[in-house]
Amino acid sequence: MTNPIAPDLPATGRMPARPRAGVWRRLVKRPLALIGLVIVAVVLAGAILAPWLTGYDPNEQMFDGLTLEGAPLPPNASFWLGTDLLGRDLLTRILFGARTSLIIGIVANGVALLIGTLVGVTAGYFRGWIGSALMRFTDLMMAFPALLLAICLAAVLQPSLWIVAMVIALVNWVQTARVIYTETSSLAEREFIDAERTIGASASRILFRHILPHLLPTIIVWGTLGISTTVLLEATLSYLGIGVQPPTASWGNIIFENQTYFQAAPWLVFFPGAAILALALAFNLIGDALRDILDPTQRGRA
């Protein structure tokens, strides 16, 4: 079965030179990918520079942050995106919430990618009862809806930034494992792998010198695309009240805290919702472009 990301390999087992050369240069030449890179750069800069961009504390309840009737303020000269139900600056909370989304997105997706790669490579290379057991376990995990499983795990464990990241990682590794398993199984049957076994190469040498380098394009693409899924899942858990807990700012719990004012103060839901959508779309655009660059034969396919 041909992998949808990695190109066919020559019998020598060496990666073609062209897909590795100038990936960044070709990436920035794609308008949609460039838009995605700009969005990610803006969000990253906002998250890093958050304390200096607004001058407010994300949990500071300001005396002039509410109307005389106690309602949140709409966007104005003092509070560019308005205030929330407690009189806190919404822009500040969104900027600090970007930290939460990026930390969880990178950490959770990194751990999920590591677990999925380890399971997929082990099952695809050794096969036999080891591969069967690992892939049956993967199938069992895939049978559970990811959101439902994440809700159950988050409800049992005490929600916090790192616990939520680990919960998301534990439910997101299965897709990566399945893809890596398919590609590793195909690679393990190639002539250059048989030649390595014939001359007595150890399993570790074959895996680290020949298998894993060929899996790198797949890992890069799935790692990029997975961040958008992770960001959306974190926002969903926080919106449901079992993700990152207040007062820690998260785009999901900002919507959760202010949803009752959706009609009276729509900016409280619109701005954090737009931030979630923009960041998820940005990583999808980048991942899609990387897939096309690393495997030009798949250009334009879903």
Protein backbone atom coordinates (compact mmCIF):
# COMPACT_ATOMS: atom_id res chain seq x y z
CA MET A 1 0.00 0.00 0.00
CA THR A 2 1.49 3.34 -1.03
CA ASN A 3 1.64 5.92 1.73
CA PRO A 4 -0.24 9.16 0.90
CA ILE A 5 2.61 11.32 2.12
CA ALA A 6 5.98 9.71 1.51
CA PRO A 7 7.10 9.16 -2.09
CA ASP A 8 8.25 5.80 -3.42
CA LEU A 9 11.85 5.03 -2.58
CA PRO A 10 14.54 3.74 -4.90
CA ALA A 11 15.99 0.29 -4.35
CA THR A 12 19.08 1.80 -2.71
CA GLY A 13 16.96 2.96 0.24
CA ARG A 14 18.13 6.54 -0.03
CA MET A 15 15.72 9.41 0.11
CA PRO A 16 15.55 11.45 -3.10
CA ALA A 17 17.50 14.69 -2.71
CA ARG A 18 14.85 17.04 -4.06
CA PRO A 19 12.09 16.65 -1.40
CA ARG A 20 14.59 17.51 1.32
CA ALA A 21 16.13 20.50 -0.42
CA GLY A 22 14.60 23.93 -0.09
CA VAL A 23 11.46 22.86 1.78
CA TRP A 24 11.27 26.18 3.61
CA ARG A 25 11.87 28.15 0.42
CA ARG A 26 9.08 26.35 -1.41
CA LEU A 27 6.80 26.60 1.61
CA VAL A 28 6.94 30.40 1.79
CA LYS A 29 6.23 30.63 -1.94
CA ARG A 30 2.78 29.12 -1.43
CA PRO A 31 0.23 31.87 -0.66
CA LEU A 32 -1.99 29.75 1.58
CA ALA A 33 0.96 28.31 3.48
CA LEU A 34 2.38 31.81 3.89
CA ILE A 35 -0.93 32.97 5.35
CA GLY A 36 -0.78 30.07 7.80
CA LEU A 37 2.79 30.90 8.77
CA VAL A 38 1.88 34.55 9.35
CA ILE A 39 -1.07 33.59 11.56
CA VAL A 40 1.05 31.21 13.62
CA ALA A 41 3.80 33.85 13.92
CA VAL A 42 1.28 36.48 15.09
CA VAL A 43 -0.26 34.13 17.66
CA LEU A 44 3.18 33.05 18.89
CA ALA A 45 4.37 36.65 19.18
CA GLY A 46 1.18 37.62 21.00
CA ALA A 47 1.58 34.74 23.45
CA ILE A 48 5.21 35.57 24.19
CA LEU A 49 4.74 39.34 24.42
CA ALA A 50 1.35 39.24 26.15
CA PRO A 51 2.48 40.98 29.39
CA TRP A 52 3.87 43.93 27.41
CA LEU A 53 1.22 44.28 24.71
CA THR A 54 -1.75 45.32 26.84
CA GLY A 55 -0.45 46.32 30.26
CA TYR A 56 -3.26 44.49 32.06
CA ASP A 57 -3.20 41.37 34.19
CA PRO A 58 -5.40 38.61 32.69
CA ASN A 59 -7.19 38.11 36.02
CA GLU A 60 -7.46 41.77 37.01
CA GLN A 61 -11.09 42.82 37.59
CA MET A 62 -11.03 46.50 36.79
CA PHE A 63 -13.36 49.00 38.39
CA ASP A 64 -14.03 50.70 35.06
CA GLY A 65 -14.35 47.40 33.21
CA LEU A 66 -18.14 47.18 33.58
CA THR A 67 -21.03 49.50 32.84
CA LEU A 68 -23.04 51.08 35.62
CA GLU A 69 -25.50 48.21 35.24
CA GLY A 70 -22.71 45.65 35.68
CA ALA A 71 -22.59 44.55 32.04
CA PRO A 72 -19.36 43.97 30.10
CA LEU A 73 -18.02 46.81 27.98
CA PRO A 74 -17.96 46.55 24.18
CA PRO A 75 -14.70 47.18 22.28
CA ASN A 76 -13.50 50.73 22.89
CA ALA A 77 -10.35 52.84 23.03
CA SER A 78 -9.35 51.56 26.49
CA PHE A 79 -10.27 47.90 25.96
CA TRP A 80 -9.77 47.08 22.29
CA LEU A 81 -11.79 43.84 22.40
CA GLY A 82 -14.05 44.85 25.26
CA THR A 83 -14.28 43.29 28.72
CA ASP A 84 -15.80 40.09 30.08
CA LEU A 85 -18.42 39.49 32.76
CA LEU A 86 -15.94 40.23 35.56
CA GLY A 87 -14.54 43.40 34.02
CA ARG A 88 -11.33 41.77 32.78
CA ASP A 89 -9.71 42.91 29.54
CA LEU A 90 -10.71 40.39 26.86
CA LEU A 91 -7.68 41.06 24.64
CA THR A 92 -5.32 40.29 27.52
CA ARG A 93 -7.11 37.05 28.31
CA ILE A 94 -7.04 35.99 24.65
CA LEU A 95 -3.31 36.69 24.44
CA PHE A 96 -2.61 34.69 27.59
CA GLY A 97 -5.03 32.04 26.36
CA ALA A 98 -2.83 31.70 23.27
CA ARG A 99 -0.07 30.49 25.58
CA THR A 100 -2.33 27.75 26.88
CA SER A 101 -3.38 26.65 23.40
CA LEU A 102 0.18 26.62 22.05
CA ILE A 103 1.66 24.82 25.06
CA ILE A 104 -1.02 22.14 25.01
CA GLY A 105 -0.96 21.94 21.21
CA ILE A 106 2.80 21.42 21.03
CA VAL A 107 3.23 19.24 24.13
CA ALA A 108 0.16 17.05 23.63
CA ASN A 109 0.75 16.62 19.92
CA GLY A 110 4.45 15.92 20.49
CA VAL A 111 3.70 13.18 23.01
CA ALA A 112 0.96 11.73 20.77
CA LEU A 113 3.36 11.75 17.82
CA LEU A 114 6.03 10.01 19.88
CA ILE A 115 3.65 7.31 21.11
CA GLY A 116 2.10 6.79 17.68
CA THR A 117 5.49 6.57 15.97
CA LEU A 118 6.84 4.12 18.55
CA VAL A 119 3.80 1.86 18.32
CA GLY A 120 3.57 2.06 14.53
CA VAL A 121 7.28 1.40 13.89
CA THR A 122 7.43 -1.47 16.38
CA ALA A 123 4.31 -3.14 14.99
CA GLY A 124 5.25 -2.55 11.35
CA TYR A 125 8.84 -3.77 11.59
CA PHE A 126 8.61 -6.74 13.98
CA ARG A 127 5.09 -7.80 12.98
CA GLY A 128 4.14 -11.29 14.24
CA TRP A 129 2.39 -11.45 17.58
CA ILE A 130 3.97 -8.16 18.70
CA GLY A 131 2.58 -6.27 15.71
CA SER A 132 -0.81 -7.96 16.00
CA ALA A 133 -1.12 -7.17 19.71
CA LEU A 134 -0.11 -3.52 19.23
CA MET A 135 -2.43 -2.94 16.28
CA ARG A 136 -5.38 -4.68 17.95
CA PHE A 137 -4.86 -2.36 20.91
CA THR A 138 -4.72 0.56 18.48
CA ASP A 139 -7.98 -0.60 16.87
CA LEU A 140 -9.55 -0.84 20.32
CA MET A 141 -8.54 2.75 21.10
CA MET A 142 -9.86 3.91 17.72
CA ALA A 143 -13.23 2.31 18.51
CA PHE A 144 -13.81 4.86 21.26
CA PRO A 145 -14.81 8.37 20.16
CA ALA A 146 -11.81 10.57 20.94
CA LEU A 147 -13.88 13.32 22.55
CA LEU A 148 -15.82 10.89 24.75
CA LEU A 149 -12.62 9.16 25.87
CA ALA A 150 -10.99 12.51 26.60
CA ILE A 151 -14.01 13.61 28.64
CA CYS A 152 -13.87 10.39 30.70
CA LEU A 153 -10.14 10.74 31.37
CA ALA A 154 -10.40 14.44 32.19
CA ALA A 155 -13.31 13.77 34.55
CA VAL A 156 -11.35 11.11 36.45
CA LEU A 157 -8.11 13.11 36.68
CA GLN A 158 -7.76 16.54 38.27
CA PRO A 159 -7.88 19.00 35.35
CA SER A 160 -4.81 21.19 34.92
CA LEU A 161 -2.70 22.45 32.04
CA TRP A 162 -0.38 19.43 31.94
CA ILE A 163 -3.06 16.86 32.77
CA VAL A 164 -5.19 18.13 29.88
CA ALA A 165 -2.15 17.90 27.58
CA MET A 166 -1.52 14.29 28.60
CA VAL A 167 -5.20 13.39 28.24
CA ILE A 168 -5.27 14.76 24.70
CA ALA A 169 -2.04 12.92 23.87
CA LEU A 170 -3.51 9.63 25.10
CA VAL A 171 -6.45 9.89 22.71
CA ASN A 172 -4.69 11.37 19.67
CA TRP A 173 -1.85 8.92 19.02
CA VAL A 174 -3.90 6.22 17.30
CA GLN A 175 -4.18 7.85 13.86
CA THR A 176 -0.43 8.42 13.74
CA ALA A 177 0.23 4.83 14.80
CA ARG A 178 -1.96 3.47 12.00
CA VAL A 179 -0.28 5.59 9.32
CA ILE A 180 3.24 4.86 10.57
CA TYR A 181 2.44 1.15 10.79
CA THR A 182 1.30 1.03 7.16
CA GLU A 183 4.39 2.82 5.89
CA THR A 184 6.80 0.84 8.08
CA SER A 185 5.28 -2.45 6.90
CA SER A 186 5.88 -1.36 3.30
CA LEU A 187 9.44 -0.23 4.01
CA ALA A 188 10.29 -3.44 5.86
CA GLU A 189 9.65 -5.42 2.68
CA ARG A 190 11.93 -3.34 0.45
CA GLU A 191 15.05 -4.86 -1.09
CA PHE A 192 17.49 -2.58 0.70
CA ILE A 193 16.08 -3.68 4.07
CA ASP A 194 16.44 -7.34 3.06
CA ALA A 195 20.03 -6.59 2.04
CA GLU A 196 20.74 -5.04 5.44
CA ARG A 197 19.36 -8.11 7.19
CA THR A 198 21.45 -10.37 4.96
CA ILE A 199 24.71 -8.70 5.95
CA GLY A 200 23.78 -9.01 9.62
CA ALA A 201 22.64 -5.46 10.44
CA SER A 202 20.94 -5.20 13.82
CA ALA A 203 17.31 -4.21 14.18
CA SER A 204 18.30 -0.93 15.85
CA ARG A 205 20.59 -0.01 12.96
CA ILE A 206 17.89 -0.76 10.39
CA LEU A 207 15.28 1.21 12.33
CA PHE A 208 17.40 4.29 13.05
CA ARG A 209 19.50 4.40 9.88
CA HIS A 210 16.98 3.32 7.26
CA ILE A 211 13.35 3.16 8.50
CA LEU A 212 13.02 6.32 10.60
CA PRO A 213 14.71 8.69 8.10
CA HIS A 214 12.18 7.61 5.47
CA LEU A 215 9.33 8.20 7.93
CA LEU A 216 10.43 11.77 8.61
CA PRO A 217 8.19 13.43 5.95
CA THR A 218 5.17 11.56 7.31
CA ILE A 219 6.01 12.51 10.89
CA ILE A 220 6.48 16.17 9.98
CA VAL A 221 3.17 16.40 8.14
CA TRP A 222 1.17 14.54 10.77
CA GLY A 223 2.85 16.55 13.50
CA THR A 224 1.82 19.82 11.86
CA LEU A 225 -1.73 18.74 11.09
CA GLY A 226 -2.14 17.24 14.56
CA ILE A 227 -1.61 20.57 16.31
CA SER A 228 -4.86 21.94 14.85
CA THR A 229 -6.77 18.88 16.11
CA THR A 230 -5.17 19.27 19.53
CA VAL A 231 -6.05 22.97 19.75
CA LEU A 232 -9.68 22.23 18.87
CA LEU A 233 -9.90 19.36 21.38
CA GLU A 234 -8.41 21.48 24.16
CA ALA A 235 -10.90 24.26 23.41
CA THR A 236 -13.75 21.74 23.45
CA LEU A 237 -12.72 20.27 26.82
CA SER A 238 -12.28 23.75 28.32
CA TYR A 239 -15.66 24.82 26.93
CA LEU A 240 -17.25 21.78 28.58
CA GLY A 241 -15.66 22.78 31.89
CA ILE A 242 -13.31 19.78 32.19
CA GLY A 243 -10.25 21.28 30.52
CA VAL A 244 -7.97 24.02 31.74
CA GLN A 245 -9.62 25.49 34.81
CA PRO A 246 -10.18 29.20 35.56
CA PRO A 247 -8.61 31.56 36.38
CA THR A 248 -6.02 30.24 33.89
CA ALA A 249 -6.99 31.79 30.57
CA SER A 250 -7.91 29.42 27.76
CA TRP A 251 -9.81 30.20 24.59
CA GLY A 252 -12.27 27.44 25.38
CA ASN A 253 -12.99 28.48 28.96
CA ILE A 254 -13.30 32.14 27.89
CA ILE A 255 -16.25 31.07 25.72
CA PHE A 256 -17.55 28.83 28.51
CA GLU A 257 -17.49 31.65 31.08
CA ASN A 258 -19.20 34.18 28.81
CA GLN A 259 -21.65 32.07 26.81
CA THR A 260 -24.65 33.33 28.78
CA TYR A 261 -24.02 36.81 27.33
CA PHE A 262 -23.83 35.56 23.76
CA GLN A 263 -26.68 37.77 22.53
CA ALA A 264 -26.03 40.81 24.71
CA ALA A 265 -22.24 40.78 24.27
CA PRO A 266 -21.40 38.68 21.19
CA TRP A 267 -17.77 39.85 21.16
CA LEU A 268 -17.12 37.67 24.23
CA VAL A 269 -17.68 34.57 22.11
CA PHE A 270 -16.75 35.83 18.66
CA PHE A 271 -13.14 36.89 19.36
CA PRO A 272 -11.95 33.74 21.17
CA GLY A 273 -13.87 31.61 18.67
CA ALA A 274 -12.19 33.42 15.78
CA ALA A 275 -8.79 32.85 17.44
CA ILE A 276 -9.44 29.09 17.71
CA LEU A 277 -10.58 28.92 14.10
CA ALA A 278 -7.65 30.97 12.80
CA LEU A 279 -4.97 28.94 14.59
CA ALA A 280 -6.48 25.58 13.60
CA LEU A 281 -6.83 26.74 9.98
CA ALA A 282 -3.24 28.04 9.96
CA PHE A 283 -1.74 24.70 10.98
CA ASN A 284 -3.96 22.89 8.48
CA LEU A 285 -2.75 25.16 5.67
CA ILE A 286 0.88 24.60 6.65
CA GLY A 287 0.44 20.84 6.98
CA ASP A 288 -1.34 20.59 3.64
CA ALA A 289 1.46 22.53 1.93
CA LEU A 290 4.13 20.37 3.56
CA ARG A 291 2.36 17.25 2.33
CA ASP A 292 2.36 18.57 -1.23
CA ILE A 293 6.02 19.63 -1.03
CA LEU A 294 7.26 16.37 0.47
CA ASP A 295 5.18 14.31 -1.95
CA PRO A 296 4.40 16.22 -5.17
CA THR A 297 2.48 13.20 -6.56
CA GLN A 298 -0.24 13.86 -3.94
CA ARG A 299 -0.70 17.55 -4.80
CA GLY A 300 -4.33 18.59 -4.58
CA ARG A 301 -5.56 15.35 -3.03
CA ALA A 302 -7.45 15.27 0.27
